Amino acid sequence: MKRIRVIVCPHELVMGGSQINAIELAGKLKQRGHDVVVFAPPGQLSGRVAELGLELVASPDGTRMSWGWMRELGRLAKDWKADIVHTYEWAPSLGAAWRLLPFTGTRVVMTVLSMDVPDFLPKHVPLIVGTKALHHQSGRRSAPVHLMEPPIDTEQNSHGALPSSQIKHDGLVISMVCRITDELDKAEGILQAIYAVAGLSRDRRLQLIIAGDGEAMQKIRVATREVNEQFDREVVRLVGTLFDPRAVYDQSDISLGMGSSALKALSFAKPLIVQGSGGYWKTLTPETLTEFEWQGFYGQGGGGAEALATCLARLCDDAPLRERLGIWGRSLVEEKYSLRNATVSLERIYFQTLAANTRRGVGSACMTRSAYDFGKFLLAKRIRSGVSP
């Protein structure tokens, strides 16, 4: 098997599903004998990069387009003689394609784990998406579109991989592990969870444990304080950002979440209620699985706190159901979402990319169209923000 030299480019290294997926896949690739370096701005996950035995080359901010980021990536790719640059999310993907493809022999592979794929990404660059819906919508491209649901390290994310309990809890535990941000209505969903648990706590001993932090944290603190004062006990517990939140998953009885966080809960054999935007909540069962296989572990539009309370009440009051769904969820993750299988698939994508022969005319046309579409995107963004063009 040929040894590949890969530069992996997460857009940032704060806690988040896309970034964790990027570095965990990079770690497994290194274990399989490939040369891998991570190019990203240092952040909360820098320690995890080192823990996986990966070299971290500090980059400028990767969350927006930057000539400095592109220049440094080009220098690294040349000095390191990279075969593949694997970017995550739109800004690194666009920057790498513009900097590398016209001038070097280094190939680019893009992963987008957001809920949509920007039209301005070059269509001659191989793309990896995380849901069947995005895979279907992204079909009109000259390069392959690959489906890879967010992978989970099922060995590390299991009850047997953890030391004894370390998280204080009170009663039946409901957990949320997420970034506390207004993006994708996450903060609004957390508020709905707080109020749903508060309502159910009138005749049940429940505790909601929330692990995470972010720019919307203040309103979560206010709601938490109000609920806890109302009950004169810690119905809601905020534990902040945990570098290793596995104990929270492990000690919960029910988990709430979306995306990678939802899949990690399943890996710990916990029943799962999927969170989305616009008040979306739905329990994952064998009957609802098809919906989530299509759209990802996420949804849009629903009944908010009231709908969540209905889902929670059913699970809180039925211990055998919780156990059945937990066992089934664990087997689902092992079969379809394991990091080991995803690494083999990613390796195959790299070899296919290196073997492909993109005609120069196709590439030039795609790059020109990409630049034009990105210009339209920036103009529309300026208009929406009230800035005259």
Protein backbone atom coordinates (compact mmCIF):
# COMPACT_ATOMS: atom_id res chain seq x y z
CA MET A 1 0.00 0.00 0.00
CA LYS A 2 1.34 3.40 -0.99
CA ARG A 3 2.18 5.79 1.85
CA ILE A 4 0.33 9.09 1.42
CA ARG A 5 1.40 12.49 2.74
CA VAL A 6 -1.73 14.33 3.94
CA ILE A 7 -2.31 17.82 5.34
CA VAL A 8 -5.58 17.96 7.27
CA CYS A 9 -7.16 21.42 7.59
CA PRO A 10 -9.98 21.87 10.11
CA HIS A 11 -11.32 25.42 10.00
CA GLU A 12 -10.68 25.79 13.76
CA LEU A 13 -9.73 23.71 16.81
CA VAL A 14 -12.50 24.66 19.23
CA MET A 15 -14.78 21.89 20.49
CA GLY A 16 -17.11 20.83 17.68
CA GLY A 17 -18.11 17.82 15.65
CA SER A 18 -16.43 18.77 12.37
CA GLN A 19 -13.10 19.48 14.05
CA ILE A 20 -13.15 16.34 16.20
CA ASN A 21 -13.99 14.22 13.15
CA ALA A 22 -11.09 15.78 11.24
CA ILE A 23 -8.42 15.09 13.84
CA GLU A 24 -9.69 11.63 14.85
CA LEU A 25 -9.69 10.50 11.22
CA ALA A 26 -6.21 12.01 10.86
CA GLY A 27 -5.05 10.02 13.88
CA LYS A 28 -6.37 6.76 12.45
CA LEU A 29 -4.74 7.50 9.08
CA LYS A 30 -1.41 7.93 10.86
CA GLN A 31 -1.95 4.59 12.61
CA ARG A 32 -2.42 3.01 9.18
CA GLY A 33 1.07 4.15 8.17
CA HIS A 34 0.43 7.45 6.37
CA ASP A 35 2.24 10.74 7.03
CA VAL A 36 -0.27 13.26 8.42
CA VAL A 37 0.05 16.83 9.68
CA VAL A 38 -2.72 19.12 10.96
CA PHE A 39 -2.77 22.71 9.70
CA ALA A 40 -5.10 24.78 11.88
CA PRO A 41 -5.23 27.71 14.30
CA PRO A 42 -4.40 26.48 17.83
CA GLY A 43 -7.40 26.04 20.13
CA GLN A 44 -9.10 23.81 22.69
CA LEU A 45 -8.42 20.67 20.65
CA SER A 46 -4.68 21.27 20.24
CA GLY A 47 -4.04 18.87 23.12
CA ARG A 48 -6.12 16.19 21.43
CA VAL A 49 -4.03 16.60 18.27
CA ALA A 50 -0.86 15.96 20.30
CA GLU A 51 -2.51 13.07 22.13
CA LEU A 52 -3.12 11.36 18.79
CA GLY A 53 0.57 11.70 17.90
CA LEU A 54 -0.07 14.29 15.19
CA GLU A 55 2.05 17.33 14.38
CA LEU A 56 0.18 20.64 14.52
CA VAL A 57 1.33 23.44 12.24
CA ALA A 58 -0.30 26.66 13.42
CA SER A 59 -2.28 28.48 10.74
CA PRO A 60 -3.93 31.90 10.58
CA ASP A 61 -7.68 32.03 11.24
CA GLY A 62 -9.36 29.37 9.11
CA THR A 63 -12.99 30.45 9.59
CA ARG A 64 -12.82 33.08 6.83
CA MET A 65 -11.02 33.58 3.54
CA SER A 66 -7.49 34.87 4.12
CA TRP A 67 -4.56 35.44 1.78
CA GLY A 68 -2.29 34.79 4.76
CA TRP A 69 -3.89 31.37 5.33
CA MET A 70 -3.55 30.50 1.64
CA ARG A 71 0.07 31.62 1.52
CA GLU A 72 1.06 29.56 4.58
CA LEU A 73 -0.75 26.47 3.29
CA GLY A 74 1.00 26.77 -0.06
CA ARG A 75 4.37 27.01 1.66
CA LEU A 76 3.64 23.98 3.86
CA ALA A 77 2.36 21.88 0.94
CA LYS A 78 5.50 22.65 -1.05
CA ASP A 79 8.01 22.13 1.78
CA TRP A 80 6.28 19.00 3.04
CA LYS A 81 5.68 17.58 -0.49
CA ALA A 82 2.04 16.86 0.32
CA ASP A 83 0.02 14.48 -1.87
CA ILE A 84 -3.38 15.44 -0.47
CA VAL A 85 -4.75 18.46 1.37
CA HIS A 86 -8.01 17.55 3.11
CA THR A 87 -10.03 20.61 4.12
CA TYR A 88 -13.07 20.88 6.38
CA GLU A 89 -15.85 23.44 5.78
CA TRP A 90 -16.03 26.13 3.16
CA ALA A 91 -13.29 28.70 3.92
CA PRO A 92 -10.32 26.25 4.02
CA SER A 93 -11.81 24.33 1.08
CA LEU A 94 -12.06 27.42 -1.10
CA GLY A 95 -8.67 28.73 -0.01
CA ALA A 96 -6.89 25.42 -0.65
CA ALA A 97 -8.46 24.99 -4.08
CA TRP A 98 -7.57 28.50 -5.18
CA ARG A 99 -4.02 28.34 -3.84
CA LEU A 100 -2.97 24.79 -4.73
CA LEU A 101 -4.82 23.45 -7.75
CA PRO A 102 -3.68 25.96 -10.40
CA PHE A 103 -0.03 25.92 -9.27
CA THR A 104 0.93 22.57 -7.71
CA GLY A 105 0.45 18.85 -8.10
CA THR A 106 -1.12 18.56 -4.65
CA ARG A 107 -4.71 17.30 -4.74
CA VAL A 108 -7.51 18.70 -2.59
CA VAL A 109 -10.38 16.82 -0.95
CA MET A 110 -13.14 18.84 0.73
CA THR A 111 -15.45 17.81 3.58
CA VAL A 112 -18.55 19.85 4.39
CA LEU A 113 -20.48 18.76 7.47
CA SER A 114 -22.73 21.82 7.59
CA MET A 115 -26.40 21.56 6.70
CA ASP A 116 -25.79 22.84 3.16
CA VAL A 117 -22.97 22.93 0.62
CA PRO A 118 -22.15 26.44 -0.70
CA ASP A 119 -22.62 26.80 -4.45
CA PHE A 120 -19.27 28.58 -4.77
CA LEU A 121 -17.13 25.57 -3.87
CA PRO A 122 -15.22 24.35 -6.97
CA LYS A 123 -17.15 21.54 -8.61
CA HIS A 124 -14.07 19.72 -9.94
CA VAL A 125 -12.78 19.01 -6.40
CA PRO A 126 -13.87 15.76 -4.69
CA LEU A 127 -16.40 16.47 -1.97
CA ILE A 128 -17.38 14.51 1.15
CA VAL A 129 -20.74 15.24 2.79
CA GLY A 130 -22.35 13.86 5.92
CA THR A 131 -25.97 13.13 4.94
CA LYS A 132 -27.81 11.32 2.17
CA ALA A 133 -29.82 14.47 1.48
CA LEU A 134 -26.67 16.52 0.80
CA HIS A 135 -25.24 13.67 -1.26
CA HIS A 136 -28.36 13.73 -3.42
CA GLN A 137 -28.41 17.54 -3.71
CA SER A 138 -24.71 17.74 -4.64
CA GLY A 139 -24.95 15.38 -7.60
CA ARG A 140 -24.25 17.93 -10.35
CA ARG A 141 -20.48 18.12 -10.01
CA SER A 142 -17.67 17.09 -12.32
CA ALA A 143 -15.81 15.46 -9.39
CA PRO A 144 -17.12 12.62 -7.19
CA VAL A 145 -19.34 13.34 -4.19
CA HIS A 146 -18.82 10.86 -1.37
CA LEU A 147 -21.13 10.15 1.56
CA MET A 148 -19.49 9.72 4.96
CA GLU A 149 -21.67 10.13 8.04
CA PRO A 150 -19.77 11.63 11.01
CA PRO A 151 -17.70 8.70 12.35
CA ILE A 152 -17.44 7.74 16.01
CA ASP A 153 -14.57 6.03 17.79
CA THR A 154 -16.68 3.23 19.26
CA GLU A 155 -13.73 1.86 21.23
CA GLN A 156 -13.03 5.06 23.14
CA ASN A 157 -16.69 6.06 23.38
CA SER A 158 -18.00 3.17 25.44
CA HIS A 159 -18.66 2.44 29.09
CA GLY A 160 -15.74 0.02 29.29
CA ALA A 161 -13.23 2.68 28.16
CA LEU A 162 -13.88 4.96 31.15
CA PRO A 163 -12.70 5.05 34.77
CA SER A 164 -15.26 5.10 37.57
CA SER A 165 -17.94 7.81 37.68
CA GLN A 166 -16.72 11.37 38.22
CA ILE A 167 -19.77 13.55 37.44
CA LYS A 168 -22.06 14.42 40.32
CA HIS A 169 -25.72 13.82 39.48
CA ASP A 170 -29.11 13.81 41.13
CA GLY A 171 -31.96 11.54 40.01
CA LEU A 172 -32.63 10.44 36.43
CA VAL A 173 -30.02 12.21 34.31
CA ILE A 174 -30.65 13.84 30.93
CA SER A 175 -27.52 15.07 29.16
CA MET A 176 -26.64 17.60 26.48
CA VAL A 177 -23.09 18.02 25.14
CA CYS A 178 -22.89 20.88 22.65
CA ARG A 179 -21.53 24.28 21.79
CA ILE A 180 -23.80 26.93 23.27
CA THR A 181 -24.31 29.13 20.26
CA ASP A 182 -27.21 30.60 18.32
CA GLU A 183 -26.01 28.73 15.24
CA LEU A 184 -28.56 26.11 14.14
CA ASP A 185 -30.81 27.28 17.01
CA LYS A 186 -28.67 25.35 19.47
CA ALA A 187 -29.10 27.82 22.33
CA GLU A 188 -32.84 28.02 21.76
CA GLY A 189 -33.01 24.23 21.90
CA ILE A 190 -31.10 24.23 25.19
CA LEU A 191 -33.61 26.69 26.64
CA GLN A 192 -36.44 24.42 25.49
CA ALA A 193 -34.71 21.48 27.20
CA ILE A 194 -34.37 23.45 30.45
CA TYR A 195 -38.07 24.34 30.48
CA ALA A 196 -39.18 20.84 29.45
CA VAL A 197 -37.15 19.23 32.25
CA ALA A 198 -38.42 21.83 34.72
CA GLY A 199 -42.01 20.97 33.84
CA LEU A 200 -41.44 17.23 34.21
CA SER A 201 -39.54 17.73 37.48
CA ARG A 202 -42.73 18.66 39.31
CA ASP A 203 -43.47 14.97 39.78
CA ARG A 204 -40.15 13.31 38.83
CA ARG A 205 -36.61 13.49 40.21
CA LEU A 206 -34.71 14.67 37.13
CA GLN A 207 -31.49 16.49 36.45
CA LEU A 208 -30.40 18.04 33.16
CA ILE A 209 -26.60 18.18 32.79
CA ILE A 210 -25.33 20.55 30.09
CA ALA A 211 -21.68 20.36 28.99
CA GLY A 212 -20.50 23.16 26.74
CA ASP A 213 -19.90 26.88 26.41
CA GLY A 214 -20.23 29.58 23.80
CA GLU A 215 -21.35 33.10 23.03
CA ALA A 216 -24.98 32.38 24.04
CA MET A 217 -24.06 31.11 27.50
CA GLN A 218 -25.42 34.08 29.45
CA LYS A 219 -29.08 33.40 28.64
CA ILE A 220 -28.57 29.74 29.52
CA ARG A 221 -27.15 30.76 32.91
CA VAL A 222 -30.16 33.01 33.57
CA ALA A 223 -32.67 30.27 32.74
CA THR A 224 -30.72 27.73 34.81
CA ARG A 225 -30.65 30.00 37.84
CA GLU A 226 -34.40 30.69 37.60
CA VAL A 227 -35.30 27.00 37.40
CA ASN A 228 -32.96 25.92 40.19
CA GLU A 229 -34.26 28.67 42.49
CA GLN A 230 -37.83 27.64 41.72
CA PHE A 231 -37.17 24.05 42.84
CA ASP A 232 -34.58 24.89 45.49
CA ARG A 233 -32.29 22.20 44.07
CA GLU A 234 -30.02 21.69 41.06
CA VAL A 235 -32.52 20.59 38.41
CA VAL A 236 -30.16 21.98 35.74
CA ARG A 237 -26.40 21.66 36.08
CA LEU A 238 -23.93 23.53 33.87
CA VAL A 239 -20.50 21.91 33.78
CA GLY A 240 -18.93 24.09 31.08
CA THR A 241 -16.68 22.88 28.29
CA LEU A 242 -15.14 19.49 29.03
CA PHE A 243 -12.12 18.43 27.01
CA ASP A 244 -13.30 14.87 27.58
CA PRO A 245 -17.12 14.83 28.01
CA ARG A 246 -17.42 11.05 27.86
CA ALA A 247 -18.38 10.75 31.53
CA VAL A 248 -21.42 12.96 30.89
CA TYR A 249 -22.63 10.65 28.12
CA ASP A 250 -21.81 7.58 30.16
CA GLN A 251 -23.69 8.61 33.30
CA SER A 252 -26.81 9.88 31.60
CA ASP A 253 -30.04 7.93 31.32
CA ILE A 254 -31.26 9.89 28.26
CA SER A 255 -29.28 12.08 25.84
CA LEU A 256 -30.36 15.06 23.77
CA GLY A 257 -28.28 16.17 20.80
CA MET A 258 -27.60 16.56 17.12
CA GLY A 259 -24.87 15.48 14.70
CA SER A 260 -21.75 13.92 16.15
CA SER A 261 -22.90 14.51 19.72
CA ALA A 262 -26.02 12.45 19.03
CA LEU A 263 -23.95 9.60 17.62
CA LYS A 264 -21.60 9.63 20.61
CA ALA A 265 -24.60 9.25 22.91
CA LEU A 266 -25.62 6.18 20.91
CA SER A 267 -22.10 4.80 21.23
CA PHE A 268 -22.61 4.87 25.00
CA ALA A 269 -25.86 2.89 24.56
CA LYS A 270 -28.10 5.79 25.58
CA PRO A 271 -31.60 6.44 24.23
CA LEU A 272 -31.50 9.56 22.10
CA ILE A 273 -33.85 12.45 21.39
CA VAL A 274 -32.57 14.32 18.34
CA GLN A 275 -32.44 18.12 18.52
CA GLY A 276 -32.88 20.39 15.53
CA SER A 277 -33.85 23.98 14.77
CA GLY A 278 -37.21 25.68 15.03
CA GLY A 279 -38.36 23.53 17.96
CA TYR A 280 -37.51 20.16 16.42
CA TRP A 281 -37.30 17.16 18.78
CA LYS A 282 -37.80 13.50 17.91
CA THR A 283 -36.83 10.24 19.60
CA LEU A 284 -34.55 7.98 17.58
CA THR A 285 -36.17 4.57 17.14
CA PRO A 286 -36.01 1.86 14.46
CA GLU A 287 -39.12 3.50 12.99
CA THR A 288 -37.63 7.02 12.76
CA LEU A 289 -34.14 5.91 11.67
CA THR A 290 -34.84 6.32 7.94
CA GLU A 291 -35.55 10.03 8.45
CA PHE A 292 -32.23 10.59 10.20
CA GLU A 293 -30.28 8.49 7.72
CA TRP A 294 -31.54 10.89 5.05
CA GLN A 295 -31.19 14.28 6.75
CA GLY A 296 -28.55 13.52 9.37
CA PHE A 297 -29.15 13.55 13.10
CA TYR A 298 -30.91 16.89 12.89
CA GLY A 299 -34.29 18.27 11.87
CA GLN A 300 -36.21 21.50 11.31
CA GLY A 301 -39.48 22.70 12.77
CA GLY A 302 -41.47 21.24 15.63
CA GLY A 303 -43.32 21.74 18.88
CA GLY A 304 -40.46 23.05 21.02
CA ALA A 305 -40.42 22.44 24.77
CA GLU A 306 -43.85 20.80 24.75
CA ALA A 307 -42.83 18.27 22.09
CA LEU A 308 -39.61 17.52 23.96
CA ALA A 309 -41.49 17.04 27.22
CA THR A 310 -43.70 14.43 25.54
CA CYS A 311 -40.65 12.51 24.26
CA LEU A 312 -38.90 12.76 27.62
CA ALA A 313 -41.91 11.66 29.66
CA ARG A 314 -42.22 8.46 27.66
CA LEU A 315 -38.55 7.57 28.16
CA CYS A 316 -38.39 8.68 31.80
CA ASP A 317 -41.33 6.47 32.71
CA ASP A 318 -40.25 3.35 30.80
CA ALA A 319 -36.89 1.93 31.92
CA PRO A 320 -37.15 -1.21 29.70
CA LEU A 321 -37.70 1.03 26.66
CA ARG A 322 -34.61 3.07 27.55
CA GLU A 323 -32.55 -0.10 27.79
CA ARG A 324 -33.84 -1.52 24.48
CA LEU A 325 -33.20 1.71 22.59
CA GLY A 326 -29.74 2.04 24.15
CA ILE A 327 -28.66 -1.46 23.11
CA TRP A 328 -30.06 -0.98 19.62
CA GLY A 329 -28.36 2.44 19.25
CA ARG A 330 -24.98 1.04 20.22
CA SER A 331 -25.28 -1.73 17.61
CA LEU A 332 -26.31 0.86 15.00
CA VAL A 333 -23.19 2.97 15.60
CA GLU A 334 -20.91 -0.05 15.53
CA GLU A 335 -22.39 -1.19 12.22
CA LYS A 336 -22.74 2.10 10.32
CA TYR A 337 -20.77 4.90 11.96
CA SER A 338 -17.51 3.46 13.31
CA LEU A 339 -14.29 5.45 12.94
CA ARG A 340 -12.41 2.35 11.85
CA ASN A 341 -14.65 1.78 8.83
CA ALA A 342 -14.70 5.49 7.97
CA THR A 343 -10.89 5.61 7.91
CA VAL A 344 -10.74 2.78 5.39
CA SER A 345 -13.31 4.59 3.23
CA LEU A 346 -11.36 7.85 3.46
CA GLU A 347 -8.15 6.12 2.45
CA ARG A 348 -9.96 4.76 -0.60
CA ILE A 349 -11.17 8.27 -1.50
CA TYR A 350 -7.59 9.57 -1.32
CA PHE A 351 -6.30 6.86 -3.66
CA GLN A 352 -9.13 7.55 -6.11
CA THR A 353 -8.36 11.26 -6.00
CA LEU A 354 -4.67 10.70 -6.70
CA ALA A 355 -5.50 8.37 -9.60
CA ALA A 356 -8.03 10.75 -11.20
CA ASN A 357 -7.06 12.87 -14.17
CA THR A 358 -8.86 16.24 -14.16
CA ARG A 359 -8.68 17.95 -17.54
CA ARG A 360 -7.12 21.42 -17.29
CA GLY A 361 -10.01 23.03 -19.20
CA VAL A 362 -12.57 21.65 -16.75
CA GLY A 363 -10.54 22.81 -13.78
CA SER A 364 -10.05 26.33 -15.15
CA ALA A 365 -13.74 26.72 -15.90
CA CYS A 366 -14.72 25.48 -12.45
CA MET A 367 -12.26 27.81 -10.71
CA THR A 368 -13.56 30.79 -12.69
CA ARG A 369 -17.15 29.91 -11.84
CA SER A 370 -16.20 29.42 -8.20
CA ALA A 371 -14.64 32.90 -7.99
CA TYR A 372 -17.71 34.45 -9.66
CA ASP A 373 -20.16 32.68 -7.33
CA PHE A 374 -18.10 33.59 -4.27
CA GLY A 375 -18.16 37.24 -5.32
CA LYS A 376 -21.97 37.07 -5.55
CA PHE A 377 -22.07 35.47 -2.09
CA LEU A 378 -19.98 38.28 -0.57
CA LEU A 379 -22.09 40.94 -2.27
CA ALA A 380 -25.34 39.40 -1.01
CA LYS A 381 -23.88 39.16 2.49
CA ARG A 382 -22.92 42.84 2.46
CA ILE A 383 -26.39 43.83 1.27
CA ARG A 384 -28.08 41.73 3.98
CA SER A 385 -25.90 43.37 6.65
CA GLY A 386 -26.88 46.83 5.44
CA VAL A 387 -23.52 47.70 3.92
CA SER A 388 -23.72 49.33 0.50
CA PRO A 389 -21.75 47.49 -2.21
